[in-house]
Amino acid sequence: MRLKNCKRCGKLFTFQGYYVCQACQERDTIDFAKIWEYVQRHPRVSALELSRETGVDASVVLRFQREGRLTAVEKKEETE
């Protein structure tokens, strides 16, 4: 059993492949949906604008970028 600190709330949890605890996984899913929807309408948006317009904390937006969760949108837009 590996224990990790949640990247979002800092709580200690049992690592099961995600770097956030189960409660934060649900919040990540909701926040990512907000971000994804906004990026679809505004493809060349900055992380700061994403945070401001969606209400998702900037640290969460940046974590999604570091994890590679937002690069697919960026690449898709660059190839069109």
Protein backbone atom coordinates (compact mmCIF):
# COMPACT_ATOMS: atom_id res chain seq x y z
CA MET A 1 0.00 0.00 0.00
CA ARG A 2 1.52 3.32 -1.13
CA LEU A 3 0.46 6.53 0.55
CA LYS A 4 0.65 9.87 -1.28
CA ASN A 5 -0.43 13.42 -0.62
CA CYS A 6 -3.26 14.60 -2.84
CA LYS A 7 -2.01 17.09 -5.46
CA ARG A 8 -5.20 19.10 -4.98
CA CYS A 9 -6.09 19.16 -1.27
CA GLY A 10 -2.91 17.80 0.34
CA LYS A 11 -4.63 14.99 2.25
CA LEU A 12 -2.86 11.67 2.65
CA PHE A 13 -4.52 8.88 0.65
CA THR A 14 -3.84 5.39 -0.70
CA PHE A 15 -2.38 5.78 -4.20
CA GLN A 16 -4.36 3.90 -6.84
CA GLY A 17 -2.99 5.36 -10.05
CA TYR A 18 -4.28 8.90 -9.59
CA TYR A 19 -2.36 11.69 -7.91
CA VAL A 20 -5.47 13.07 -6.23
CA CYS A 21 -7.73 11.54 -3.59
CA GLN A 22 -11.13 10.13 -4.52
CA ALA A 23 -13.02 13.25 -3.44
CA CYS A 24 -10.74 15.42 -5.55
CA GLN A 25 -11.06 13.05 -8.53
CA GLU A 26 -14.73 13.99 -8.68
CA ARG A 27 -13.87 17.70 -8.49
CA ASP A 28 -11.20 17.21 -11.18
CA THR A 29 -13.77 15.59 -13.47
CA ILE A 30 -16.17 18.51 -13.05
CA ASP A 31 -13.43 21.12 -13.46
CA PHE A 32 -11.98 19.40 -16.52
CA ALA A 33 -15.42 19.36 -18.17
CA LYS A 34 -15.71 23.13 -17.62
CA ILE A 35 -12.24 23.69 -19.05
CA TRP A 36 -12.80 21.40 -22.03
CA GLU A 37 -16.05 23.13 -22.94
CA TYR A 38 -14.42 26.57 -22.76
CA VAL A 39 -11.37 25.49 -24.77
CA GLN A 40 -13.61 24.09 -27.51
CA ARG A 41 -15.10 27.55 -27.97
CA HIS A 42 -11.84 29.48 -27.36
CA PRO A 43 -8.96 27.29 -28.59
CA ARG A 44 -6.07 29.73 -28.08
CA VAL A 45 -6.86 30.62 -24.48
CA SER A 46 -4.19 31.08 -21.80
CA ALA A 47 -4.17 29.22 -18.50
CA LEU A 48 -4.91 32.44 -16.64
CA GLU A 49 -7.94 33.20 -18.82
CA LEU A 50 -9.14 29.59 -18.47
CA SER A 51 -8.98 29.97 -14.72
CA ARG A 52 -10.73 33.32 -14.71
CA GLU A 53 -13.50 32.35 -17.14
CA THR A 54 -14.27 28.88 -15.75
CA GLY A 55 -13.72 29.53 -12.06
CA VAL A 56 -11.23 26.64 -11.89
CA ASP A 57 -8.18 27.45 -9.79
CA ALA A 58 -5.12 28.30 -11.90
CA SER A 59 -3.05 25.64 -10.13
CA VAL A 60 -5.54 23.00 -11.29
CA VAL A 61 -5.42 24.27 -14.89
CA LEU A 62 -1.61 24.19 -14.82
CA ARG A 63 -1.62 20.68 -13.33
CA PHE A 64 -3.88 19.49 -16.15
CA GLN A 65 -1.42 20.98 -18.64
CA ARG A 66 1.57 19.33 -16.92
CA GLU A 67 -0.26 16.01 -16.93
CA GLY A 68 -0.83 16.34 -20.68
CA ARG A 69 -4.60 16.46 -20.40
CA LEU A 70 -4.93 19.70 -22.40
CA THR A 71 -2.27 19.15 -25.07
CA ALA A 72 -4.61 17.20 -27.36
CA VAL A 73 -6.69 20.32 -27.85
CA GLU A 74 -3.63 22.47 -28.50
CA LYS A 75 -2.23 20.00 -31.06
CA LYS A 76 -5.60 19.61 -32.77
CA GLU A 77 -5.93 23.36 -33.20
CA GLU A 78 -2.35 23.73 -34.50
CA THR A 79 -2.86 21.12 -37.23
CA GLU A 80 -6.03 22.64 -38.62
